[in-house]
């Protein structure tokens, strides 16, 4: 969690109602750590998805 500290600090400064819809990382462990940081900062629990999955979804290929 130490490496993700800058990400968690930025998330803690997000305004209410601006939580992301998705968390995306090509590293599954990093994605879970980001999700954990959002949960700790009470910023919701957005869906965790691989970047290519989000591209596929954005182009309507699912």
C-alpha atoms as a PDB file:
ATOM      1  CA  UNK A   1       0.000   0.000   0.000  1.00  0.00           C
ATOM      2  CA  UNK A   2       3.003   2.307   0.435  1.00  0.00           C
ATOM      3  CA  UNK A   3       3.570   2.600  -3.325  1.00  0.00           C
ATOM      4  CA  UNK A   4      -0.052   3.599  -3.875  1.00  0.00           C
ATOM      5  CA  UNK A   5       0.029   6.379  -1.273  1.00  0.00           C
ATOM      6  CA  UNK A   6      -0.004   9.226  -3.885  1.00  0.00           C
ATOM      7  CA  UNK A   7      -3.013   7.634  -5.592  1.00  0.00           C
ATOM      8  CA  UNK A   8      -4.857   7.271  -2.289  1.00  0.00           C
ATOM      9  CA  UNK A   9      -4.096  10.886  -1.321  1.00  0.00           C
ATOM     10  CA  UNK A  10      -5.504  12.086  -4.650  1.00  0.00           C
ATOM     11  CA  UNK A  11      -8.586   9.920  -4.161  1.00  0.00           C
ATOM     12  CA  UNK A  12      -9.115  11.339  -0.660  1.00  0.00           C
ATOM     13  CA  UNK A  13      -9.276  14.840  -2.200  1.00  0.00           C
ATOM     14  CA  UNK A  14     -12.014  13.925  -4.682  1.00  0.00           C
ATOM     15  CA  UNK A  15     -15.228  15.832  -4.219  1.00  0.00           C
ATOM     16  CA  UNK A  16     -18.356  13.972  -3.212  1.00  0.00           C
ATOM     17  CA  UNK A  17     -20.158  12.535  -6.206  1.00  0.00           C
ATOM     18  CA  UNK A  18     -17.020  12.360  -8.372  1.00  0.00           C
ATOM     19  CA  UNK A  19     -16.089   8.768  -7.610  1.00  0.00           C
ATOM     20  CA  UNK A  20     -15.033   6.830 -10.716  1.00  0.00           C
ATOM     21  CA  UNK A  21     -17.322   4.346 -12.445  1.00  0.00           C
ATOM     22  CA  UNK A  22     -14.433   1.943 -13.044  1.00  0.00           C
ATOM     23  CA  UNK A  23     -11.000   1.124 -11.689  1.00  0.00           C
ATOM     24  CA  UNK A  24      -8.612   0.003 -14.393  1.00  0.00           C
ATOM     25  CA  UNK A  25      -5.175  -1.529 -14.153  1.00  0.00           C
ATOM     26  CA  UNK A  26      -3.257  -4.072 -16.177  1.00  0.00           C
ATOM     27  CA  UNK A  27      -1.971  -5.375 -12.835  1.00  0.00           C
ATOM     28  CA  UNK A  28      -4.708  -7.191 -10.886  1.00  0.00           C
ATOM     29  CA  UNK A  29      -2.965  -6.611  -7.558  1.00  0.00           C
ATOM     30  CA  UNK A  30      -2.708  -2.860  -8.168  1.00  0.00           C
ATOM     31  CA  UNK A  31      -6.376  -2.723  -9.108  1.00  0.00           C
ATOM     32  CA  UNK A  32      -7.353  -4.396  -5.858  1.00  0.00           C
ATOM     33  CA  UNK A  33      -5.158  -1.998  -3.877  1.00  0.00           C
ATOM     34  CA  UNK A  34      -6.791   0.980  -5.596  1.00  0.00           C
ATOM     35  CA  UNK A  35     -10.214  -0.473  -4.783  1.00  0.00           C
ATOM     36  CA  UNK A  36      -9.137  -0.923  -1.180  1.00  0.00           C
ATOM     37  CA  UNK A  37      -7.960   2.706  -1.047  1.00  0.00           C
ATOM     38  CA  UNK A  38     -11.311   3.913  -2.386  1.00  0.00           C
ATOM     39  CA  UNK A  39     -13.128   1.837   0.204  1.00  0.00           C
ATOM     40  CA  UNK A  40     -10.955   3.125   3.059  1.00  0.00           C
ATOM     41  CA  UNK A  41     -11.639   6.706   1.935  1.00  0.00           C
ATOM     42  CA  UNK A  42     -15.365   5.898   1.638  1.00  0.00           C
ATOM     43  CA  UNK A  43     -15.473   6.814  -2.055  1.00  0.00           C
ATOM     44  CA  UNK A  44     -17.576   3.878  -3.179  1.00  0.00           C
ATOM     45  CA  UNK A  45     -16.710   0.611  -4.847  1.00  0.00           C
ATOM     46  CA  UNK A  46     -16.426   1.063  -8.615  1.00  0.00           C
ATOM     47  CA  UNK A  47     -16.115  -1.936 -10.910  1.00  0.00           C
ATOM     48  CA  UNK A  48     -12.595  -3.282 -11.462  1.00  0.00           C
ATOM     49  CA  UNK A  49     -11.778  -3.929 -15.128  1.00  0.00           C
ATOM     50  CA  UNK A  50      -8.714  -4.526 -17.293  1.00  0.00           C
ATOM     51  CA  UNK A  51      -7.960  -1.593 -19.658  1.00  0.00           C
ATOM     52  CA  UNK A  52      -8.660  -3.719 -22.752  1.00  0.00           C
ATOM     53  CA  UNK A  53     -12.021  -4.722 -21.310  1.00  0.00           C
ATOM     54  CA  UNK A  54     -12.902  -1.034 -20.967  1.00  0.00           C
ATOM     55  CA  UNK A  55     -11.874  -0.379 -24.582  1.00  0.00           C
ATOM     56  CA  UNK A  56     -14.045  -3.292 -25.692  1.00  0.00           C
ATOM     57  CA  UNK A  57     -16.967  -1.933 -23.673  1.00  0.00           C
ATOM     58  CA  UNK A  58     -16.452   1.620 -24.976  1.00  0.00           C
ATOM     59  CA  UNK A  59     -16.658   0.380 -28.573  1.00  0.00           C
ATOM     60  CA  UNK A  60     -19.698  -1.798 -27.828  1.00  0.00           C
ATOM     61  CA  UNK A  61     -17.908  -5.062 -28.606  1.00  0.00           C
ATOM     62  CA  UNK A  62     -19.145  -7.034 -25.610  1.00  0.00           C
END
